[in-house]
Amino acid sequence: MKKILLSSIYFLACMLSIQAQTLYDVSANGGNYGGGTINKFVPATNNLTVLKSFESIAYNPYYTNFIQASDGKLYGMT
């Protein structure tokens, strides 16, 4: 819990100093299925959107396999 809080505070502090159009980030857990998310943040509108929720299929959160999407590309998180 402490790590999540510190990460959130750091993320918000960086947001105040960054003048980017769109920012993307990933989380290692959470989302609809508990396997992490890919998020999109637009600073101009303060809009945070979850682009993808991953399934929690790994027994060990530090080791996961690649997932092949319908477009043939491999995706994974570290």
Protein backbone atom coordinates (compact mmCIF):
# COMPACT_ATOMS: atom_id res chain seq x y z
CA MET A 1 0.00 0.00 0.00
CA LYS A 2 2.86 2.34 0.86
CA LYS A 3 4.49 1.72 -2.53
CA ILE A 4 1.26 2.46 -4.38
CA LEU A 5 0.72 5.69 -2.46
CA LEU A 6 4.30 6.88 -3.04
CA SER A 7 4.10 5.94 -6.72
CA SER A 8 0.83 7.85 -7.09
CA ILE A 9 2.26 10.95 -5.41
CA TYR A 10 5.38 10.78 -7.60
CA PHE A 11 3.23 10.35 -10.71
CA LEU A 12 1.06 13.35 -9.83
CA ALA A 13 4.12 15.50 -9.02
CA CYS A 14 5.58 14.67 -12.41
CA MET A 15 2.28 15.55 -14.05
CA LEU A 16 2.54 19.10 -12.77
CA SER A 17 5.92 19.60 -14.42
CA ILE A 18 5.33 17.77 -17.72
CA GLN A 19 3.76 19.57 -20.67
CA ALA A 20 2.96 16.55 -22.86
CA GLN A 21 -0.10 15.99 -25.01
CA THR A 22 -0.68 12.35 -24.00
CA LEU A 23 0.99 10.12 -21.40
CA TYR A 24 0.82 6.33 -21.17
CA ASP A 25 1.67 4.07 -18.23
CA VAL A 26 1.22 0.50 -17.02
CA SER A 27 0.37 -1.03 -13.68
CA ALA A 28 1.46 -4.46 -12.48
CA ASN A 29 -1.86 -5.31 -10.85
CA GLY A 30 -5.41 -4.03 -10.68
CA GLY A 31 -7.90 -3.46 -13.46
CA ASN A 32 -11.01 -5.52 -14.19
CA TYR A 33 -9.21 -8.87 -14.13
CA GLY A 34 -6.41 -8.22 -11.61
CA GLY A 35 -3.53 -8.61 -14.08
CA GLY A 36 -2.61 -4.96 -14.56
CA THR A 37 -3.62 -2.20 -16.94
CA ILE A 38 -2.40 0.09 -19.70
CA ASN A 39 -3.53 3.66 -18.97
CA LYS A 40 -3.74 6.86 -21.03
CA PHE A 41 -3.69 10.33 -19.45
CA VAL A 42 -4.37 13.61 -21.26
CA PRO A 43 -3.11 16.52 -19.10
CA ALA A 44 -5.07 19.18 -20.98
CA THR A 45 -8.40 17.59 -19.97
CA ASN A 46 -7.26 15.65 -16.86
CA ASN A 47 -8.77 12.58 -18.50
CA LEU A 48 -7.45 9.19 -17.33
CA THR A 49 -8.57 6.19 -19.40
CA VAL A 50 -7.85 2.48 -18.93
CA LEU A 51 -6.99 1.21 -22.39
CA LYS A 52 -6.50 -2.46 -21.55
CA SER A 53 -7.04 -4.69 -18.52
CA PHE A 54 -4.99 -7.88 -18.42
CA GLU A 55 -5.99 -11.21 -16.88
CA SER A 56 -4.11 -12.40 -13.83
CA ILE A 57 -2.91 -15.73 -15.22
CA ALA A 58 0.62 -15.80 -13.80
CA TYR A 59 1.33 -17.67 -10.59
CA ASN A 60 4.35 -15.48 -9.93
CA PRO A 61 3.87 -11.75 -10.64
CA TYR A 62 7.55 -11.36 -11.55
CA TYR A 63 7.39 -13.89 -14.38
CA THR A 64 4.85 -13.72 -17.19
CA ASN A 65 4.67 -14.90 -20.78
CA PHE A 66 4.09 -12.87 -23.90
CA ILE A 67 0.56 -12.67 -25.26
CA GLN A 68 0.06 -12.79 -29.01
CA ALA A 69 -2.69 -10.43 -30.17
CA SER A 70 -4.93 -10.81 -33.21
CA ASP A 71 -2.60 -8.50 -35.15
CA GLY A 72 0.25 -11.01 -34.73
CA LYS A 73 2.30 -8.81 -32.37
CA LEU A 74 3.59 -10.03 -29.01
CA TYR A 75 2.81 -7.99 -25.89
CA GLY A 76 4.18 -8.33 -22.37
CA MET A 77 4.83 -6.37 -19.19
CA THR A 78 7.93 -6.07 -17.05
